[in-house]
Amino acid sequence: MTRTGDLPPNAACRRETVVTVRDVKDQGLRKFVAVLAGLAVIYFGVTGHRGTEDGKGLSGGVVLLAVLAGLLVWNLTKPGDKPVK
């Protein structure tokens, strides 16, 4: 991890990624929200309305939807390239 004050004088010529504390906190929040979305899909998939002939449990389709929901949330909460003015 590099702090802004520790950059070498020629760092302006190269494209270096400076990781800030805010980026780390945002990434943790993104992970939390993505996992929460996946868990919500699993919860509603397991406890949803089913007929009496259907068995209970977690199907592969519900797991696939949960993973897709988590990936969608992860992608939609990605920080932009431009800072907010």
N, C-alpha and C. Protein backbone atom coordinates (compact mmCIF):
# COMPACT_ATOMS: atom_id res chain seq x y z
N MET A 1 0.85 -1.16 0.00
CA MET A 1 0.00 0.00 0.00
C MET A 1 0.91 1.23 0.00
N THR A 2 0.55 2.21 -0.79
CA THR A 2 1.36 3.40 -0.93
C THR A 2 0.58 4.61 -0.46
N ARG A 3 1.23 5.44 0.35
CA ARG A 3 0.61 6.69 0.76
C ARG A 3 1.02 7.76 -0.23
N THR A 4 0.23 8.81 -0.34
CA THR A 4 0.49 9.87 -1.30
C THR A 4 1.83 10.54 -1.05
N GLY A 5 2.22 10.75 0.16
CA GLY A 5 3.47 11.42 0.47
C GLY A 5 4.70 10.57 0.16
N ASP A 6 4.53 9.25 -0.02
CA ASP A 6 5.66 8.36 -0.26
C ASP A 6 5.94 8.13 -1.74
N LEU A 7 5.24 8.80 -2.63
CA LEU A 7 5.44 8.57 -4.05
C LEU A 7 6.75 9.17 -4.51
N PRO A 8 7.46 8.48 -5.40
CA PRO A 8 8.70 9.04 -5.92
C PRO A 8 8.40 10.23 -6.83
N PRO A 9 9.41 11.07 -7.10
CA PRO A 9 9.18 12.27 -7.90
C PRO A 9 8.71 11.97 -9.32
N ASN A 10 9.09 10.84 -9.90
CA ASN A 10 8.69 10.53 -11.27
C ASN A 10 7.39 9.73 -11.33
N ALA A 11 6.64 9.66 -10.24
CA ALA A 11 5.40 8.89 -10.22
C ALA A 11 4.32 9.51 -11.08
N ALA A 12 4.42 10.80 -11.36
CA ALA A 12 3.42 11.45 -12.21
C ALA A 12 3.49 10.92 -13.64
N CYS A 13 4.65 10.44 -14.05
CA CYS A 13 4.82 9.91 -15.41
C CYS A 13 4.20 8.53 -15.54
N ARG A 14 4.21 7.76 -14.46
CA ARG A 14 3.67 6.40 -14.50
C ARG A 14 2.28 6.39 -13.90
N ARG A 15 1.48 5.44 -14.32
CA ARG A 15 0.13 5.29 -13.76
C ARG A 15 0.21 4.30 -12.61
N GLU A 16 0.32 4.81 -11.41
CA GLU A 16 0.36 3.97 -10.22
C GLU A 16 -0.97 4.06 -9.50
N THR A 17 -1.38 2.97 -8.94
CA THR A 17 -2.61 2.94 -8.18
C THR A 17 -2.30 3.24 -6.73
N VAL A 18 -2.93 4.25 -6.21
CA VAL A 18 -2.76 4.62 -4.81
C VAL A 18 -3.99 4.13 -4.07
N VAL A 19 -3.79 3.23 -3.13
CA VAL A 19 -4.89 2.67 -2.36
C VAL A 19 -5.08 3.53 -1.13
N THR A 20 -6.29 4.03 -0.96
CA THR A 20 -6.58 4.83 0.22
C THR A 20 -7.42 4.03 1.21
N VAL A 21 -7.55 4.56 2.39
CA VAL A 21 -8.36 3.89 3.42
C VAL A 21 -9.81 3.82 2.97
N ARG A 22 -10.27 4.84 2.27
CA ARG A 22 -11.66 4.84 1.80
C ARG A 22 -11.91 3.71 0.82
N ASP A 23 -10.93 3.44 -0.06
CA ASP A 23 -11.08 2.34 -1.02
C ASP A 23 -11.21 1.00 -0.30
N VAL A 24 -10.44 0.81 0.74
CA VAL A 24 -10.49 -0.44 1.49
C VAL A 24 -11.84 -0.58 2.18
N LYS A 25 -12.34 0.49 2.78
CA LYS A 25 -13.64 0.44 3.45
C LYS A 25 -14.75 0.19 2.44
N ASP A 26 -14.67 0.83 1.25
CA ASP A 26 -15.69 0.62 0.22
C ASP A 26 -15.68 -0.82 -0.27
N GLN A 27 -14.50 -1.42 -0.40
CA GLN A 27 -14.42 -2.79 -0.86
C GLN A 27 -15.03 -3.73 0.18
N GLY A 28 -14.81 -3.46 1.44
CA GLY A 28 -15.42 -4.28 2.48
C GLY A 28 -16.93 -4.16 2.48
N LEU A 29 -17.41 -2.95 2.26
CA LEU A 29 -18.86 -2.74 2.19
C LEU A 29 -19.44 -3.42 0.95
N ARG A 30 -18.70 -3.38 -0.16
CA ARG A 30 -19.16 -4.06 -1.38
C ARG A 30 -19.28 -5.56 -1.15
N LYS A 31 -18.30 -6.14 -0.47
CA LYS A 31 -18.34 -7.58 -0.18
C LYS A 31 -19.53 -7.90 0.70
N PHE A 32 -19.75 -7.08 1.73
CA PHE A 32 -20.85 -7.32 2.65
C PHE A 32 -22.20 -7.27 1.93
N VAL A 33 -22.40 -6.26 1.10
CA VAL A 33 -23.67 -6.12 0.39
C VAL A 33 -23.86 -7.24 -0.62
N ALA A 34 -22.79 -7.66 -1.30
CA ALA A 34 -22.89 -8.75 -2.27
C ALA A 34 -23.26 -10.06 -1.59
N VAL A 35 -22.62 -10.34 -0.46
CA VAL A 35 -22.94 -11.56 0.29
C VAL A 35 -24.36 -11.48 0.84
N LEU A 36 -24.76 -10.32 1.30
CA LEU A 36 -26.12 -10.15 1.81
C LEU A 36 -27.16 -10.38 0.72
N ALA A 37 -26.88 -9.93 -0.50
CA ALA A 37 -27.81 -10.17 -1.61
C ALA A 37 -27.92 -11.66 -1.92
N GLY A 38 -26.79 -12.35 -1.91
CA GLY A 38 -26.82 -13.80 -2.15
C GLY A 38 -27.59 -14.54 -1.07
N LEU A 39 -27.37 -14.14 0.18
CA LEU A 39 -28.10 -14.78 1.28
C LEU A 39 -29.60 -14.49 1.22
N ALA A 40 -29.97 -13.31 0.77
CA ALA A 40 -31.39 -12.98 0.64
C ALA A 40 -32.04 -13.86 -0.42
N VAL A 41 -31.35 -14.09 -1.53
CA VAL A 41 -31.89 -14.96 -2.57
C VAL A 41 -32.05 -16.38 -2.04
N ILE A 42 -31.07 -16.86 -1.30
CA ILE A 42 -31.16 -18.21 -0.72
C ILE A 42 -32.32 -18.29 0.27
N TYR A 43 -32.45 -17.27 1.12
CA TYR A 43 -33.53 -17.27 2.11
C TYR A 43 -34.90 -17.32 1.43
N PHE A 44 -35.12 -16.43 0.47
CA PHE A 44 -36.43 -16.39 -0.17
C PHE A 44 -36.63 -17.59 -1.10
N GLY A 45 -35.56 -18.16 -1.59
CA GLY A 45 -35.69 -19.37 -2.41
C GLY A 45 -36.06 -20.59 -1.59
N VAL A 46 -35.59 -20.66 -0.37
CA VAL A 46 -35.87 -21.81 0.49
C VAL A 46 -37.23 -21.65 1.17
N THR A 47 -37.58 -20.44 1.60
CA THR A 47 -38.82 -20.25 2.35
C THR A 47 -39.99 -19.84 1.46
N GLY A 48 -39.80 -19.79 0.16
CA GLY A 48 -40.87 -19.36 -0.73
C GLY A 48 -42.02 -20.35 -0.75
N HIS A 49 -43.14 -19.95 -1.36
CA HIS A 49 -44.33 -20.79 -1.42
C HIS A 49 -44.08 -21.99 -2.32
N ARG A 50 -44.34 -23.18 -1.81
CA ARG A 50 -44.20 -24.41 -2.58
C ARG A 50 -45.41 -25.28 -2.34
N GLY A 51 -45.69 -26.10 -3.29
CA GLY A 51 -46.79 -27.06 -3.12
C GLY A 51 -46.39 -28.16 -2.17
N THR A 52 -47.34 -29.00 -1.82
CA THR A 52 -47.06 -30.07 -0.87
C THR A 52 -46.23 -31.18 -1.50
N GLU A 53 -46.28 -31.31 -2.82
CA GLU A 53 -45.53 -32.40 -3.46
C GLU A 53 -44.05 -32.06 -3.64
N ASP A 54 -43.70 -30.78 -3.56
CA ASP A 54 -42.29 -30.40 -3.70
C ASP A 54 -41.54 -30.66 -2.39
N GLY A 55 -40.33 -31.10 -2.54
CA GLY A 55 -39.50 -31.32 -1.35
C GLY A 55 -38.91 -30.01 -0.86
N LYS A 56 -38.46 -30.03 0.37
CA LYS A 56 -37.81 -28.84 0.93
C LYS A 56 -36.32 -28.97 0.73
N GLY A 57 -35.65 -27.85 0.75
CA GLY A 57 -34.20 -27.87 0.63
C GLY A 57 -33.72 -26.82 -0.33
N LEU A 58 -32.46 -26.85 -0.56
CA LEU A 58 -31.80 -25.86 -1.40
C LEU A 58 -31.47 -26.51 -2.74
N SER A 59 -32.03 -25.97 -3.81
CA SER A 59 -31.77 -26.54 -5.12
C SER A 59 -30.57 -25.85 -5.77
N GLY A 60 -30.08 -26.46 -6.82
CA GLY A 60 -28.95 -25.89 -7.54
C GLY A 60 -29.30 -24.58 -8.21
N GLY A 61 -30.55 -24.46 -8.64
CA GLY A 61 -31.00 -23.22 -9.29
C GLY A 61 -30.99 -22.04 -8.34
N VAL A 62 -31.37 -22.27 -7.10
CA VAL A 62 -31.37 -21.19 -6.11
C VAL A 62 -29.94 -20.77 -5.80
N VAL A 63 -29.03 -21.72 -5.72
CA VAL A 63 -27.63 -21.40 -5.46
C VAL A 63 -27.06 -20.60 -6.63
N LEU A 64 -27.39 -21.00 -7.85
CA LEU A 64 -26.92 -20.27 -9.04
C LEU A 64 -27.48 -18.85 -9.05
N LEU A 65 -28.75 -18.69 -8.73
CA LEU A 65 -29.33 -17.34 -8.66
C LEU A 65 -28.68 -16.50 -7.56
N ALA A 66 -28.34 -17.11 -6.45
CA ALA A 66 -27.68 -16.39 -5.36
C ALA A 66 -26.30 -15.90 -5.78
N VAL A 67 -25.56 -16.75 -6.47
CA VAL A 67 -24.22 -16.35 -6.95
C VAL A 67 -24.35 -15.23 -7.98
N LEU A 68 -25.31 -15.36 -8.88
CA LEU A 68 -25.51 -14.31 -9.89
C LEU A 68 -25.95 -12.99 -9.25
N ALA A 69 -26.79 -13.06 -8.23
CA ALA A 69 -27.20 -11.84 -7.53
C ALA A 69 -26.01 -11.19 -6.83
N GLY A 70 -25.17 -11.98 -6.21
CA GLY A 70 -23.98 -11.44 -5.56
C GLY A 70 -23.03 -10.79 -6.56
N LEU A 71 -22.82 -11.43 -7.71
CA LEU A 71 -21.96 -10.85 -8.74
C LEU A 71 -22.55 -9.58 -9.33
N LEU A 72 -23.86 -9.55 -9.50
CA LEU A 72 -24.52 -8.36 -10.02
C LEU A 72 -24.36 -7.19 -9.06
N VAL A 73 -24.57 -7.43 -7.78
CA VAL A 73 -24.40 -6.37 -6.78
C VAL A 73 -22.95 -5.92 -6.72
N TRP A 74 -22.01 -6.86 -6.80
CA TRP A 74 -20.59 -6.51 -6.79
C TRP A 74 -20.25 -5.60 -7.97
N ASN A 75 -20.81 -5.93 -9.14
CA ASN A 75 -20.53 -5.13 -10.34
C ASN A 75 -21.21 -3.76 -10.28
N LEU A 76 -22.42 -3.71 -9.79
CA LEU A 76 -23.16 -2.44 -9.75
C LEU A 76 -22.64 -1.48 -8.70
N THR A 77 -21.97 -1.97 -7.68
CA THR A 77 -21.45 -1.09 -6.64
C THR A 77 -19.98 -0.75 -6.85
N LYS A 78 -19.45 -1.04 -8.03
CA LYS A 78 -18.05 -0.73 -8.33
C LYS A 78 -17.86 0.77 -8.39
N PRO A 79 -16.82 1.30 -7.75
CA PRO A 79 -16.61 2.75 -7.79
C PRO A 79 -16.24 3.20 -9.20
N GLY A 80 -16.64 4.41 -9.54
CA GLY A 80 -16.35 4.95 -10.86
C GLY A 80 -14.93 5.43 -10.98
N ASP A 81 -14.52 5.74 -12.21
CA ASP A 81 -13.17 6.24 -12.48
C ASP A 81 -13.01 7.70 -12.11
N LYS A 82 -14.09 8.45 -12.24
CA LYS A 82 -14.01 9.90 -12.03
C LYS A 82 -14.46 10.23 -10.61
N PRO A 83 -13.76 11.15 -9.95
CA PRO A 83 -14.22 11.56 -8.62
C PRO A 83 -15.47 12.43 -8.72
N VAL A 84 -16.28 12.39 -7.69
CA VAL A 84 -17.51 13.17 -7.66
C VAL A 84 -17.14 14.63 -7.40
N LYS A 85 -17.74 15.53 -8.18
CA LYS A 85 -17.45 16.96 -8.02
C LYS A 85 -18.41 17.61 -7.06
